[in-house]
Amino acid sequence: MEDKFFTLREVELNNNCPECYSRDGLQLTFKQRFVENSFYRAISSETAHALFCNVCETSIFPARWTDDIEKVFEYQQRASTPKPTSFKLKTASWISILLLAVLLIVVTLFFLGIFKNLKL
């Protein structure tokens, strides 16, 4: 099972970077998690965020955020609504369900004695 994130929103901030003090280059990214394997595809409600400075090429972790950055982050977080959760079965799942149903019917008919009276 492979967990992936897709980008919901990217925002350029005008705040000072806590590392290099530049007012240009702070980028806030919001991402949402989705899971995809051979049986299903699902979008979860889990979101993640990252703050990166393009000037000094540093990831800024929440412990280093200033009060101004936290205020802007809270505003941007409210503004970026995640996509609704979803769950979709793929073709392999439908085939597995169909084969399991047919197998269950055959086993039930066998135990009920339906196949004893058939002459082949």
N, C-alpha and C. Protein backbone atom coordinates (compact mmCIF):
# COMPACT_ATOMS: atom_id res chain seq x y z
N MET A 1 0.86 -1.17 0.00
CA MET A 1 0.00 0.00 0.00
C MET A 1 0.90 1.23 0.00
N GLU A 2 0.57 2.14 -0.87
CA GLU A 2 1.41 3.31 -1.04
C GLU A 2 0.62 4.57 -0.67
N ASP A 3 1.12 5.30 0.31
CA ASP A 3 0.49 6.56 0.70
C ASP A 3 1.12 7.68 -0.10
N LYS A 4 0.27 8.53 -0.64
CA LYS A 4 0.75 9.66 -1.41
C LYS A 4 0.02 10.91 -0.93
N PHE A 5 0.58 12.03 -1.24
CA PHE A 5 -0.05 13.31 -0.94
C PHE A 5 -0.16 14.10 -2.24
N PHE A 6 -1.28 14.78 -2.42
CA PHE A 6 -1.40 15.68 -3.55
C PHE A 6 -1.55 17.11 -3.01
N THR A 7 -1.11 18.06 -3.79
CA THR A 7 -1.08 19.45 -3.35
C THR A 7 -2.47 20.05 -3.45
N LEU A 8 -2.94 20.56 -2.32
CA LEU A 8 -4.22 21.29 -2.29
C LEU A 8 -4.02 22.74 -2.69
N ARG A 9 -2.98 23.34 -2.11
CA ARG A 9 -2.78 24.76 -2.31
C ARG A 9 -1.34 25.14 -1.98
N GLU A 10 -0.79 26.05 -2.77
CA GLU A 10 0.53 26.63 -2.50
C GLU A 10 0.37 28.14 -2.40
N VAL A 11 0.94 28.70 -1.34
CA VAL A 11 0.79 30.13 -1.09
C VAL A 11 2.16 30.76 -0.87
N GLU A 12 2.40 31.86 -1.54
CA GLU A 12 3.62 32.64 -1.30
C GLU A 12 3.34 33.61 -0.14
N LEU A 13 4.19 33.59 0.88
CA LEU A 13 4.02 34.45 2.03
C LEU A 13 4.96 35.65 1.94
N ASN A 14 4.53 36.78 2.51
CA ASN A 14 5.36 37.99 2.53
C ASN A 14 6.04 38.19 3.87
N ASN A 15 6.02 37.19 4.71
CA ASN A 15 6.65 37.29 6.02
C ASN A 15 8.16 37.10 5.91
N ASN A 16 8.87 37.53 6.95
CA ASN A 16 10.32 37.32 7.00
C ASN A 16 10.62 35.86 7.30
N CYS A 17 11.60 35.33 6.62
CA CYS A 17 12.05 33.97 6.89
C CYS A 17 12.79 33.96 8.23
N PRO A 18 12.51 33.03 9.13
CA PRO A 18 13.22 32.99 10.41
C PRO A 18 14.69 32.61 10.28
N GLU A 19 15.10 32.09 9.14
CA GLU A 19 16.49 31.67 8.95
C GLU A 19 17.33 32.76 8.28
N CYS A 20 16.84 33.25 7.13
CA CYS A 20 17.66 34.22 6.38
C CYS A 20 17.08 35.63 6.41
N TYR A 21 15.92 35.82 7.02
CA TYR A 21 15.25 37.12 7.18
C TYR A 21 14.85 37.78 5.87
N SER A 22 14.76 37.00 4.81
CA SER A 22 14.32 37.54 3.53
C SER A 22 12.79 37.61 3.51
N ARG A 23 12.24 38.62 2.86
CA ARG A 23 10.78 38.74 2.74
C ARG A 23 10.27 38.05 1.48
N ASP A 24 11.16 37.59 0.65
CA ASP A 24 10.77 36.89 -0.57
C ASP A 24 11.09 35.41 -0.41
N GLY A 25 10.24 34.58 -0.95
CA GLY A 25 10.59 33.17 -1.04
C GLY A 25 9.93 32.23 -0.07
N LEU A 26 9.19 32.71 0.93
CA LEU A 26 8.51 31.78 1.82
C LEU A 26 7.31 31.19 1.10
N GLN A 27 7.25 29.87 1.07
CA GLN A 27 6.16 29.19 0.37
C GLN A 27 5.52 28.19 1.32
N LEU A 28 4.21 28.33 1.49
CA LEU A 28 3.43 27.45 2.35
C LEU A 28 2.64 26.51 1.46
N THR A 29 2.76 25.20 1.71
CA THR A 29 2.09 24.19 0.89
C THR A 29 1.20 23.34 1.77
N PHE A 30 -0.05 23.17 1.34
CA PHE A 30 -0.99 22.29 2.00
C PHE A 30 -1.21 21.08 1.10
N LYS A 31 -1.16 19.89 1.71
CA LYS A 31 -1.32 18.64 0.95
C LYS A 31 -2.35 17.77 1.64
N GLN A 32 -2.99 16.90 0.85
CA GLN A 32 -3.97 15.95 1.38
C GLN A 32 -3.54 14.54 0.99
N ARG A 33 -3.77 13.60 1.88
CA ARG A 33 -3.31 12.22 1.69
C ARG A 33 -4.32 11.42 0.88
N PHE A 34 -3.79 10.58 -0.02
CA PHE A 34 -4.62 9.59 -0.69
C PHE A 34 -3.85 8.28 -0.78
N VAL A 35 -4.62 7.19 -0.79
CA VAL A 35 -4.05 5.85 -0.82
C VAL A 35 -4.50 5.19 -2.11
N GLU A 36 -3.56 4.56 -2.79
CA GLU A 36 -3.91 3.86 -4.02
C GLU A 36 -3.14 2.55 -4.08
N ASN A 37 -3.87 1.47 -4.31
CA ASN A 37 -3.25 0.17 -4.55
C ASN A 37 -4.03 -0.53 -5.66
N SER A 38 -3.81 -1.82 -5.87
CA SER A 38 -4.45 -2.49 -6.99
C SER A 38 -5.93 -2.76 -6.76
N PHE A 39 -6.42 -2.59 -5.53
CA PHE A 39 -7.82 -2.88 -5.24
C PHE A 39 -8.69 -1.65 -5.06
N TYR A 40 -8.15 -0.56 -4.56
CA TYR A 40 -8.98 0.63 -4.34
C TYR A 40 -8.15 1.91 -4.38
N ARG A 41 -8.88 3.01 -4.45
CA ARG A 41 -8.30 4.36 -4.40
C ARG A 41 -9.13 5.15 -3.40
N ALA A 42 -8.48 5.79 -2.44
CA ALA A 42 -9.20 6.51 -1.39
C ALA A 42 -8.51 7.83 -1.07
N ILE A 43 -9.32 8.86 -0.88
CA ILE A 43 -8.83 10.14 -0.40
C ILE A 43 -9.22 10.24 1.06
N SER A 44 -8.25 10.50 1.92
CA SER A 44 -8.53 10.59 3.35
C SER A 44 -8.70 12.05 3.75
N SER A 45 -9.10 12.25 4.98
CA SER A 45 -9.27 13.61 5.47
C SER A 45 -7.98 14.17 6.07
N GLU A 46 -6.94 13.36 6.09
CA GLU A 46 -5.65 13.79 6.67
C GLU A 46 -4.96 14.80 5.77
N THR A 47 -4.53 15.90 6.36
CA THR A 47 -3.81 16.92 5.61
C THR A 47 -2.44 17.15 6.24
N ALA A 48 -1.55 17.70 5.45
CA ALA A 48 -0.20 18.03 5.92
C ALA A 48 0.17 19.40 5.38
N HIS A 49 1.14 20.01 5.99
CA HIS A 49 1.60 21.32 5.53
C HIS A 49 3.12 21.38 5.62
N ALA A 50 3.67 22.28 4.82
CA ALA A 50 5.12 22.48 4.83
C ALA A 50 5.40 23.94 4.51
N LEU A 51 6.39 24.49 5.19
CA LEU A 51 6.82 25.86 4.93
C LEU A 51 8.27 25.78 4.48
N PHE A 52 8.54 26.36 3.32
CA PHE A 52 9.86 26.27 2.72
C PHE A 52 10.30 27.64 2.25
N CYS A 53 11.55 27.98 2.49
CA CYS A 53 12.12 29.24 2.01
C CYS A 53 12.92 28.94 0.74
N ASN A 54 12.52 29.57 -0.36
CA ASN A 54 13.22 29.36 -1.63
C ASN A 54 14.53 30.15 -1.72
N VAL A 55 14.71 31.15 -0.85
CA VAL A 55 15.94 31.95 -0.88
C VAL A 55 17.09 31.17 -0.24
N CYS A 56 16.87 30.70 1.01
CA CYS A 56 17.94 29.97 1.69
C CYS A 56 17.77 28.45 1.55
N GLU A 57 16.73 28.04 0.82
CA GLU A 57 16.46 26.63 0.55
C GLU A 57 16.41 25.80 1.83
N THR A 58 15.57 26.24 2.77
CA THR A 58 15.45 25.60 4.07
C THR A 58 13.99 25.31 4.36
N SER A 59 13.72 24.15 4.92
CA SER A 59 12.39 23.85 5.44
C SER A 59 12.27 24.52 6.81
N ILE A 60 11.20 25.24 7.00
CA ILE A 60 10.98 25.94 8.26
C ILE A 60 9.96 25.14 9.06
N PHE A 61 10.39 24.59 10.18
CA PHE A 61 9.51 23.77 11.01
C PHE A 61 8.72 24.65 11.97
N PRO A 62 7.54 24.19 12.42
CA PRO A 62 6.68 25.02 13.27
C PRO A 62 7.35 25.57 14.53
N ALA A 63 8.36 24.93 15.04
CA ALA A 63 9.04 25.43 16.24
C ALA A 63 9.76 26.75 15.96
N ARG A 64 10.12 27.01 14.70
CA ARG A 64 10.84 28.23 14.33
C ARG A 64 9.91 29.34 13.82
N TRP A 65 8.61 29.07 13.73
CA TRP A 65 7.68 30.06 13.20
C TRP A 65 7.53 31.23 14.15
N THR A 66 7.39 32.41 13.59
CA THR A 66 7.10 33.60 14.38
C THR A 66 5.59 33.71 14.57
N ASP A 67 5.18 34.63 15.42
CA ASP A 67 3.74 34.83 15.64
C ASP A 67 3.04 35.27 14.36
N ASP A 68 3.72 36.09 13.55
CA ASP A 68 3.13 36.53 12.29
C ASP A 68 2.92 35.37 11.33
N ILE A 69 3.89 34.49 11.26
CA ILE A 69 3.77 33.32 10.38
C ILE A 69 2.64 32.43 10.87
N GLU A 70 2.51 32.24 12.17
CA GLU A 70 1.43 31.41 12.71
C GLU A 70 0.06 31.99 12.39
N LYS A 71 -0.09 33.32 12.48
CA LYS A 71 -1.36 33.95 12.15
C LYS A 71 -1.71 33.75 10.67
N VAL A 72 -0.73 33.96 9.81
CA VAL A 72 -0.95 33.77 8.37
C VAL A 72 -1.25 32.31 8.08
N PHE A 73 -0.54 31.40 8.74
CA PHE A 73 -0.78 29.97 8.56
C PHE A 73 -2.22 29.60 8.94
N GLU A 74 -2.69 30.08 10.09
CA GLU A 74 -4.05 29.77 10.53
C GLU A 74 -5.08 30.29 9.54
N TYR A 75 -4.85 31.49 9.02
CA TYR A 75 -5.77 32.05 8.02
C TYR A 75 -5.76 31.20 6.75
N GLN A 76 -4.57 30.87 6.25
CA GLN A 76 -4.46 30.09 5.02
C GLN A 76 -5.00 28.67 5.21
N GLN A 77 -4.87 28.13 6.40
CA GLN A 77 -5.39 26.79 6.67
C GLN A 77 -6.92 26.79 6.59
N ARG A 78 -7.54 27.84 7.13
CA ARG A 78 -8.99 27.95 7.03
C ARG A 78 -9.43 28.16 5.58
N ALA A 79 -8.62 28.85 4.81
CA ALA A 79 -8.96 29.17 3.42
C ALA A 79 -8.79 27.97 2.49
N SER A 80 -7.97 27.03 2.85
CA SER A 80 -7.74 25.86 1.98
C SER A 80 -8.55 24.68 2.51
N THR A 81 -9.70 24.50 1.95
CA THR A 81 -10.58 23.40 2.37
C THR A 81 -10.16 22.12 1.66
N PRO A 82 -10.06 21.02 2.39
CA PRO A 82 -9.67 19.75 1.76
C PRO A 82 -10.80 19.19 0.91
N LYS A 83 -10.42 18.36 -0.03
CA LYS A 83 -11.41 17.69 -0.86
C LYS A 83 -12.15 16.67 -0.01
N PRO A 84 -13.41 16.37 -0.35
CA PRO A 84 -14.16 15.40 0.45
C PRO A 84 -13.54 14.00 0.36
N THR A 85 -13.69 13.25 1.44
CA THR A 85 -13.14 11.89 1.44
C THR A 85 -13.91 11.03 0.45
N SER A 86 -13.22 10.09 -0.13
CA SER A 86 -13.85 9.20 -1.10
C SER A 86 -13.19 7.83 -1.06
N PHE A 87 -13.91 6.85 -1.56
CA PHE A 87 -13.42 5.47 -1.61
C PHE A 87 -13.98 4.83 -2.87
N LYS A 88 -13.10 4.42 -3.79
CA LYS A 88 -13.54 3.82 -5.05
C LYS A 88 -12.84 2.49 -5.25
N LEU A 89 -13.64 1.46 -5.54
CA LEU A 89 -13.08 0.14 -5.83
C LEU A 89 -12.61 0.09 -7.27
N LYS A 90 -11.51 -0.60 -7.49
CA LYS A 90 -11.00 -0.78 -8.85
C LYS A 90 -11.52 -2.09 -9.42
N THR A 91 -11.19 -2.34 -10.67
CA THR A 91 -11.67 -3.52 -11.38
C THR A 91 -11.26 -4.81 -10.69
N ALA A 92 -10.05 -4.88 -10.16
CA ALA A 92 -9.58 -6.09 -9.48
C ALA A 92 -10.46 -6.42 -8.27
N SER A 93 -10.94 -5.42 -7.59
CA SER A 93 -11.83 -5.65 -6.44
C SER A 93 -13.16 -6.21 -6.89
N TRP A 94 -13.72 -5.63 -7.95
CA TRP A 94 -15.02 -6.12 -8.44
C TRP A 94 -14.91 -7.56 -8.95
N ILE A 95 -13.82 -7.90 -9.60
CA ILE A 95 -13.63 -9.27 -10.07
C ILE A 95 -13.49 -10.22 -8.88
N SER A 96 -12.76 -9.82 -7.87
CA SER A 96 -12.61 -10.65 -6.67
C SER A 96 -13.94 -10.87 -5.97
N ILE A 97 -14.73 -9.82 -5.86
CA ILE A 97 -16.05 -9.94 -5.22
C ILE A 97 -16.96 -10.86 -6.02
N LEU A 98 -16.94 -10.74 -7.34
CA LEU A 98 -17.76 -11.59 -8.21
C LEU A 98 -17.34 -13.05 -8.10
N LEU A 99 -16.03 -13.32 -8.14
CA LEU A 99 -15.55 -14.69 -8.02
C LEU A 99 -15.89 -15.29 -6.65
N LEU A 100 -15.79 -14.51 -5.61
CA LEU A 100 -16.14 -14.98 -4.27
C LEU A 100 -17.63 -15.30 -4.17
N ALA A 101 -18.47 -14.49 -4.78
CA ALA A 101 -19.91 -14.74 -4.76
C ALA A 101 -20.25 -16.02 -5.51
N VAL A 102 -19.64 -16.21 -6.69
CA VAL A 102 -19.89 -17.44 -7.47
C VAL A 102 -19.41 -18.66 -6.69
N LEU A 103 -18.26 -18.58 -6.08
CA LEU A 103 -17.74 -19.69 -5.28
C LEU A 103 -18.66 -20.00 -4.11
N LEU A 104 -19.17 -18.99 -3.46
CA LEU A 104 -20.10 -19.18 -2.34
C LEU A 104 -21.39 -19.85 -2.80
N ILE A 105 -21.90 -19.46 -3.94
CA ILE A 105 -23.13 -20.09 -4.47
C ILE A 105 -22.88 -21.54 -4.82
N VAL A 106 -21.76 -21.84 -5.46
CA VAL A 106 -21.45 -23.23 -5.84
C VAL A 106 -21.29 -24.10 -4.60
N VAL A 107 -20.59 -23.64 -3.59
CA VAL A 107 -20.40 -24.41 -2.36
C VAL A 107 -21.73 -24.63 -1.66
N THR A 108 -22.58 -23.62 -1.62
CA THR A 108 -23.90 -23.75 -0.99
C THR A 108 -24.75 -24.78 -1.73
N LEU A 109 -24.76 -24.73 -3.05
CA LEU A 109 -25.53 -25.69 -3.84
C LEU A 109 -24.98 -27.10 -3.68
N PHE A 110 -23.67 -27.23 -3.56
CA PHE A 110 -23.07 -28.55 -3.37
C PHE A 110 -23.51 -29.15 -2.03
N PHE A 111 -23.47 -28.35 -0.97
CA PHE A 111 -23.86 -28.87 0.35
C PHE A 111 -25.37 -29.10 0.47
N LEU A 112 -26.15 -28.43 -0.33
CA LEU A 112 -27.60 -28.67 -0.33
C LEU A 112 -27.97 -29.91 -1.14
N GLY A 113 -27.03 -30.47 -1.84
CA GLY A 113 -27.25 -31.70 -2.59
C GLY A 113 -27.82 -31.48 -3.98
N ILE A 114 -27.78 -30.31 -4.49
CA ILE A 114 -28.31 -30.01 -5.82
C ILE A 114 -27.50 -30.73 -6.89
N PHE A 115 -26.20 -30.85 -6.72
CA PHE A 115 -25.34 -31.45 -7.73
C PHE A 115 -25.43 -32.97 -7.73
N LYS A 116 -25.96 -33.59 -6.71
CA LYS A 116 -26.10 -35.05 -6.68
C LYS A 116 -27.12 -35.54 -7.71
N ASN A 117 -28.15 -34.77 -7.94
CA ASN A 117 -29.22 -35.19 -8.84
C ASN A 117 -28.93 -34.88 -10.29
N LEU A 118 -27.92 -34.13 -10.56
CA LEU A 118 -27.57 -33.80 -11.94
C LEU A 118 -26.79 -34.95 -12.57
N LYS A 119 -27.14 -35.31 -13.80
CA LYS A 119 -26.43 -36.36 -14.54
C LYS A 119 -25.68 -35.69 -15.68
N LEU A 120 -24.39 -35.92 -15.69
CA LEU A 120 -23.58 -35.32 -16.75
C LEU A 120 -23.17 -36.33 -17.76
